[in-house]
N, C-alpha and C. Protein backbone atom coordinates (compact mmCIF):
# COMPACT_ATOMS: atom_id res chain seq x y z
N MET A 1 10.62 5.13 -11.34
CA MET A 1 9.98 5.85 -9.77
C MET A 1 11.81 5.70 -8.71
N ALA A 2 12.33 4.62 -9.12
CA ALA A 2 13.58 5.07 -7.98
C ALA A 2 14.51 5.79 -8.68
N ASP A 3 14.58 5.77 -9.72
CA ASP A 3 15.30 6.98 -10.03
C ASP A 3 15.38 7.97 -10.04
N ARG A 4 13.83 8.79 -9.39
CA ARG A 4 12.80 9.78 -9.19
C ARG A 4 13.56 10.31 -8.06
N VAL A 5 14.12 8.76 -6.43
CA VAL A 5 14.09 8.79 -5.55
C VAL A 5 15.70 9.47 -5.40
N ARG A 6 16.17 8.21 -5.99
CA ARG A 6 18.13 8.83 -6.63
C ARG A 6 17.90 10.11 -6.96
N ALA A 7 17.46 10.77 -7.82
CA ALA A 7 17.79 11.81 -7.70
C ALA A 7 17.70 13.11 -6.72
N VAL A 8 16.60 13.05 -6.23
CA VAL A 8 16.66 13.41 -4.75
C VAL A 8 16.96 13.16 -3.38
N ALA A 9 17.77 11.85 -4.02
CA ALA A 9 18.27 11.89 -1.92
C ALA A 9 19.29 10.56 -2.81
N PRO A 10 20.46 10.64 -3.35
CA PRO A 10 21.65 10.10 -4.21
C PRO A 10 22.05 9.22 -2.98
N HIS A 11 22.39 9.50 -1.86
CA HIS A 11 22.94 8.03 -0.98
C HIS A 11 21.63 7.45 -0.02
N GLY A 12 20.95 7.48 -1.09
CA GLY A 12 19.82 6.36 -0.56
C GLY A 12 18.94 7.14 0.55
N VAL A 13 18.25 6.02 1.70
CA VAL A 13 16.92 6.85 2.68
C VAL A 13 17.06 5.95 3.75
N ASP A 14 16.62 6.35 4.50
CA ASP A 14 16.80 5.58 5.57
C ASP A 14 15.72 4.78 6.18
N VAL A 15 14.45 5.09 6.10
CA VAL A 15 13.62 4.09 6.09
C VAL A 15 12.21 4.40 5.09
N ALA A 16 11.86 3.49 4.64
CA ALA A 16 10.80 3.13 3.30
C ALA A 16 9.28 1.96 4.05
N LEU A 17 8.49 2.97 3.75
CA LEU A 17 6.73 2.55 4.14
C LEU A 17 6.21 2.32 3.10
N ASP A 18 6.08 1.18 2.81
CA ASP A 18 5.25 0.60 1.54
C ASP A 18 3.83 0.47 2.18
N LEU A 19 3.13 1.35 1.17
CA LEU A 19 1.83 1.25 1.17
C LEU A 19 1.38 0.08 0.07
N PHE A 20 1.73 -0.03 -0.50
CA PHE A 20 1.09 -1.19 -2.19
C PHE A 20 1.87 -2.68 -2.07
N GLY A 21 2.47 -3.25 -1.44
CA GLY A 21 3.66 -4.18 -2.02
C GLY A 21 3.99 -4.21 -3.18
N GLY A 22 4.23 -5.33 -3.86
CA GLY A 22 4.64 -5.90 -5.37
C GLY A 22 5.81 -5.25 -5.43
N GLU A 23 5.65 -4.64 -6.88
CA GLU A 23 6.88 -4.07 -7.38
C GLU A 23 8.16 -2.86 -6.24
N ALA A 24 6.74 -2.07 -5.74
CA ALA A 24 6.97 -0.94 -5.19
C ALA A 24 7.78 -1.70 -3.99
N LEU A 25 7.43 -2.33 -3.43
CA LEU A 25 8.85 -3.24 -2.37
C LEU A 25 9.52 -3.59 -2.61
N ASP A 26 10.01 -4.03 -4.01
CA ASP A 26 11.56 -4.24 -4.57
C ASP A 26 12.24 -2.79 -5.25
N VAL A 27 11.78 -1.70 -5.22
CA VAL A 27 12.22 -0.34 -5.32
C VAL A 27 12.18 0.30 -4.16
N SER A 28 11.77 0.32 -3.00
CA SER A 28 11.84 0.36 -2.02
C SER A 28 12.88 -0.37 -1.30
N ALA A 29 12.97 -0.90 -1.22
CA ALA A 29 14.83 -2.29 -1.08
C ALA A 29 15.66 -2.05 -1.48
N GLU A 30 15.67 -1.19 -2.79
CA GLU A 30 16.90 -1.22 -3.18
C GLU A 30 17.36 0.30 -2.92
N LEU A 31 16.43 1.44 -2.22
CA LEU A 31 17.15 2.65 -1.89
C LEU A 31 17.18 2.04 -0.10
N LEU A 32 17.30 1.47 0.15
CA LEU A 32 17.99 1.17 1.46
C LEU A 32 19.31 0.83 1.70
N SER A 33 19.92 0.61 2.72
CA SER A 33 20.83 0.56 3.54
C SER A 33 21.24 -0.67 4.10
N ARG A 34 19.75 -0.84 5.11
CA ARG A 34 19.30 -1.79 5.65
C ARG A 34 17.95 -2.35 5.43
N PRO A 35 17.60 -3.64 4.67
CA PRO A 35 16.53 -4.13 4.20
C PRO A 35 15.59 -4.15 5.84
N ALA A 36 16.15 -3.96 6.78
CA ALA A 36 15.55 -3.98 8.23
C ALA A 36 14.51 -2.68 8.53
N ARG A 37 15.17 -1.46 7.34
CA ARG A 37 13.85 0.00 7.62
C ARG A 37 12.52 -0.05 6.36
N LEU A 38 12.55 -1.77 6.13
CA LEU A 38 11.46 -1.26 5.38
C LEU A 38 10.42 -1.83 6.06
N VAL A 39 10.04 -1.45 5.65
CA VAL A 39 8.72 -1.16 6.03
C VAL A 39 6.93 -1.15 5.29
N SER A 40 6.34 -2.90 5.73
CA SER A 40 4.68 -2.31 4.31
C SER A 40 3.05 -3.33 4.91
N THR A 41 2.67 -2.29 4.56
CA THR A 41 0.90 -2.47 5.10
C THR A 41 0.35 -3.25 4.61
N ALA A 42 0.92 -3.44 3.57
CA ALA A 42 0.49 -4.48 2.00
C ALA A 42 0.78 -6.17 2.30
N ASP A 43 1.86 -6.17 2.11
CA ASP A 43 2.59 -7.21 1.93
C ASP A 43 3.13 -8.09 2.32
N PRO A 44 3.07 -8.64 3.34
CA PRO A 44 3.45 -9.13 4.10
C PRO A 44 4.42 -10.18 3.95
N GLU A 45 4.03 -10.96 3.09
CA GLU A 45 5.24 -12.48 2.40
C GLU A 45 6.77 -11.37 2.19
N HIS A 46 6.36 -10.11 0.79
CA HIS A 46 6.91 -9.68 0.20
C HIS A 46 8.62 -9.25 1.21
N VAL A 47 7.88 -8.28 1.80
CA VAL A 47 8.41 -7.31 2.69
C VAL A 47 9.66 -8.52 3.61
N THR A 48 8.74 -9.35 4.01
CA THR A 48 9.69 -10.53 5.21
C THR A 48 10.85 -11.72 4.47
N ARG A 49 10.24 -11.42 2.55
CA ARG A 49 11.43 -11.85 2.28
C ARG A 49 12.32 -10.94 1.86
N LEU A 50 12.48 -9.82 2.03
CA LEU A 50 13.37 -8.76 1.96
C LEU A 50 13.84 -8.34 2.62
N GLY A 51 13.69 -8.71 3.77
CA GLY A 51 14.39 -8.81 5.18
C GLY A 51 13.26 -7.59 6.53
N GLY A 52 12.32 -6.65 5.34
CA GLY A 52 11.39 -5.82 6.17
C GLY A 52 10.66 -6.82 7.04
N SER A 53 9.55 -5.36 7.78
CA SER A 53 8.21 -6.07 8.89
C SER A 53 7.75 -5.44 8.04
N TYR A 54 6.63 -5.79 8.08
CA TYR A 54 5.25 -6.03 8.41
C TYR A 54 4.49 -5.23 9.23
N LEU A 55 3.34 -4.35 8.75
CA LEU A 55 2.62 -3.28 10.41
C LEU A 55 1.68 -3.92 9.66
N PHE A 56 0.71 -4.70 10.79
CA PHE A 56 -1.13 -4.59 10.11
C PHE A 56 -1.66 -3.47 10.74
N VAL A 57 -2.13 -3.18 10.58
CA VAL A 57 -3.58 -1.41 11.26
C VAL A 57 -4.82 -1.97 10.98
N LYS A 58 -5.08 -1.92 12.54
CA LYS A 58 -5.97 -2.29 12.28
C LYS A 58 -6.84 -0.89 12.35
N PRO A 59 -8.27 -1.18 11.86
CA PRO A 59 -8.69 0.05 11.64
C PRO A 59 -9.96 0.30 13.14
N SER A 60 -9.88 1.25 12.90
CA SER A 60 -11.12 2.02 14.71
C SER A 60 -12.04 2.98 14.34
N THR A 61 -13.46 2.58 14.81
CA THR A 61 -13.98 2.87 14.66
C THR A 61 -14.49 4.79 14.40
N PRO A 62 -13.91 5.23 15.46
CA PRO A 62 -13.56 6.62 15.66
C PRO A 62 -12.71 7.23 14.40
N ASP A 63 -11.87 6.54 14.17
CA ASP A 63 -10.68 7.13 12.78
C ASP A 63 -11.48 6.67 11.87
N LEU A 64 -12.69 5.77 11.41
CA LEU A 64 -12.98 5.79 10.59
C LEU A 64 -14.15 7.13 10.25
N THR A 65 -14.64 6.63 11.72
CA THR A 65 -15.30 8.51 11.65
C THR A 65 -15.17 9.66 10.90
N VAL A 66 -13.39 10.11 11.54
CA VAL A 66 -13.08 10.99 11.31
C VAL A 66 -12.35 11.07 9.67
N LEU A 67 -12.62 10.13 9.70
CA LEU A 67 -12.25 9.76 7.58
C LEU A 67 -13.20 10.52 6.78
N ALA A 68 -14.30 9.36 7.64
CA ALA A 68 -16.08 9.67 6.87
C ALA A 68 -16.50 11.34 6.60
N GLY A 69 -16.25 12.19 7.70
CA GLY A 69 -16.11 13.19 7.53
C GLY A 69 -15.27 13.99 6.55
N LEU A 70 -14.38 13.58 5.87
CA LEU A 70 -13.09 14.58 5.30
C LEU A 70 -13.12 14.18 4.18
N VAL A 71 -14.13 12.84 4.18
CA VAL A 71 -14.16 12.41 2.90
C VAL A 71 -15.61 13.28 2.40
N ASP A 72 -16.25 14.06 2.82
CA ASP A 72 -17.73 13.75 2.72
C ASP A 72 -17.56 15.38 2.51
N ALA A 73 -16.75 16.13 2.96
CA ALA A 73 -16.83 17.76 2.89
C ALA A 73 -15.73 17.49 2.24
N GLY A 74 -15.63 16.72 1.29
CA GLY A 74 -14.09 17.11 -0.32
C GLY A 74 -12.72 16.97 0.25
N ARG A 75 -12.40 17.41 1.10
CA ARG A 75 -11.44 17.07 1.68
C ARG A 75 -10.27 15.92 1.36
N LEU A 76 -11.23 14.41 1.37
CA LEU A 76 -10.23 13.85 0.99
C LEU A 76 -11.33 12.92 -0.11
N ALA A 77 -9.77 12.72 -0.68
CA ALA A 77 -10.90 11.42 -1.93
C ALA A 77 -10.14 10.33 -2.08
N VAL A 78 -10.78 9.28 -2.61
CA VAL A 78 -10.45 7.91 -2.14
C VAL A 78 -10.40 7.04 -3.59
N HIS A 79 -9.62 6.98 -3.86
CA HIS A 79 -8.98 6.07 -5.63
C HIS A 79 -9.48 5.36 -5.46
N VAL A 80 -10.53 4.31 -6.63
CA VAL A 80 -10.96 3.25 -6.49
C VAL A 80 -10.55 2.71 -8.10
N GLU A 81 -9.93 1.54 -7.59
CA GLU A 81 -9.14 0.66 -8.86
C GLU A 81 -10.20 0.11 -9.79
N ARG A 82 -11.19 -0.55 -9.17
CA ARG A 82 -12.31 -1.41 -9.38
C ARG A 82 -13.30 -2.05 -8.46
N THR A 83 -14.52 -1.80 -8.87
CA THR A 83 -16.16 -2.36 -8.26
C THR A 83 -16.59 -3.59 -9.30
N PHE A 84 -16.21 -4.40 -8.27
CA PHE A 84 -16.89 -5.66 -8.45
C PHE A 84 -18.63 -6.51 -7.90
N PRO A 85 -19.16 -6.79 -8.52
CA PRO A 85 -20.46 -7.32 -7.63
C PRO A 85 -20.00 -8.55 -6.79
N LEU A 86 -20.72 -8.89 -5.56
CA LEU A 86 -20.63 -9.69 -5.00
C LEU A 86 -19.59 -11.11 -5.39
N GLU A 87 -20.74 -11.32 -6.59
CA GLU A 87 -20.22 -13.07 -7.23
C GLU A 87 -19.16 -12.59 -7.81
N GLN A 88 -18.57 -11.53 -8.23
CA GLN A 88 -17.02 -11.71 -9.31
C GLN A 88 -15.96 -11.48 -7.24
N ALA A 89 -15.87 -11.70 -5.97
CA ALA A 89 -15.54 -11.42 -5.07
C ALA A 89 -14.26 -12.25 -5.58
N ALA A 90 -14.41 -13.26 -6.03
CA ALA A 90 -12.60 -13.77 -5.81
C ALA A 90 -11.71 -13.31 -6.96
N ALA A 91 -12.26 -12.94 -7.76
CA ALA A 91 -11.94 -12.50 -9.26
C ALA A 91 -10.96 -10.87 -7.96
N ALA A 92 -12.14 -10.37 -7.49
CA ALA A 92 -11.27 -8.91 -6.88
C ALA A 92 -9.66 -9.26 -6.19
N GLN A 93 -10.55 -10.35 -5.62
CA GLN A 93 -9.20 -10.28 -4.44
C GLN A 93 -8.22 -11.36 -5.13
N ARG A 94 -7.89 -11.84 -6.40
CA ARG A 94 -7.06 -11.84 -7.22
C ARG A 94 -6.39 -11.05 -7.51
N LEU A 95 -7.23 -9.88 -7.55
CA LEU A 95 -6.81 -8.43 -7.88
C LEU A 95 -5.75 -7.80 -7.06
N VAL A 96 -6.24 -8.17 -6.38
CA VAL A 96 -5.23 -7.34 -4.74
C VAL A 96 -4.63 -8.27 -4.42
N ARG A 97 -4.02 -9.46 -4.72
CA ARG A 97 -3.18 -10.21 -4.44
C ARG A 97 -1.91 -10.20 -5.51
N ALA A 98 -2.45 -9.78 -6.60
CA ALA A 98 -1.59 -9.67 -7.60
C ALA A 98 -0.44 -8.67 -6.93
N GLY A 99 -0.90 -7.14 -6.86
CA GLY A 99 -0.10 -6.47 -6.46
C GLY A 99 -0.26 -5.28 -7.04
N HIS A 100 -0.83 -4.65 -8.18
CA HIS A 100 -0.85 -3.71 -8.55
C HIS A 100 -1.78 -2.83 -8.66
N VAL A 101 -2.38 -2.67 -7.81
CA VAL A 101 -4.11 -2.45 -7.64
C VAL A 101 -3.59 -0.78 -7.02
N ARG A 102 -3.50 0.64 -7.46
CA ARG A 102 -3.54 1.56 -6.62
C ARG A 102 -4.56 2.21 -6.61
N GLY A 103 -4.88 2.55 -5.07
CA GLY A 103 -6.33 2.85 -4.78
C GLY A 103 -7.27 1.47 -4.38
N LYS A 104 -8.41 1.08 -4.38
CA LYS A 104 -9.15 0.43 -3.40
C LYS A 104 -10.35 -0.66 -5.01
N VAL A 105 -10.44 -1.50 -3.73
CA VAL A 105 -10.92 -2.47 -5.21
C VAL A 105 -12.41 -2.53 -3.76
N VAL A 106 -13.39 -2.38 -4.94
CA VAL A 106 -14.93 -2.49 -4.18
C VAL A 106 -15.45 -3.18 -4.19
N LEU A 107 -16.59 -4.09 -3.26
CA LEU A 107 -17.48 -5.51 -4.09
C LEU A 107 -18.33 -4.64 -3.50
N GLU A 108 -19.64 -4.63 -4.45
CA GLU A 108 -21.14 -4.34 -4.43
C GLU A 108 -21.93 -5.44 -3.61
N VAL A 109 -22.66 -4.64 -2.78
CA VAL A 109 -23.60 -5.50 -1.77
C VAL A 109 -24.70 -5.58 -2.23
């Protein structure tokens, strides 16, 4: 991934917004000249160790309603990485904390 970005931006990038955490943060940090310009919404501990910042995103009912409408209209697709029964919530949490999930982990109630 870093090689593709370097091909497009050989002098690095000014800002990186991480939405995945884990290894994606390491790659993003490699591409920045200033670690303080690294922001993550997914991995607070890792991003602060790298010198960046964590951004907490608080969902709101109006925003979620708009997103649900886009999903219903087929204009927004949500990738579900894996679905777990509620009884396996601890396993689902371990998967998410491992930092290698692409998409959403769903608990069935």
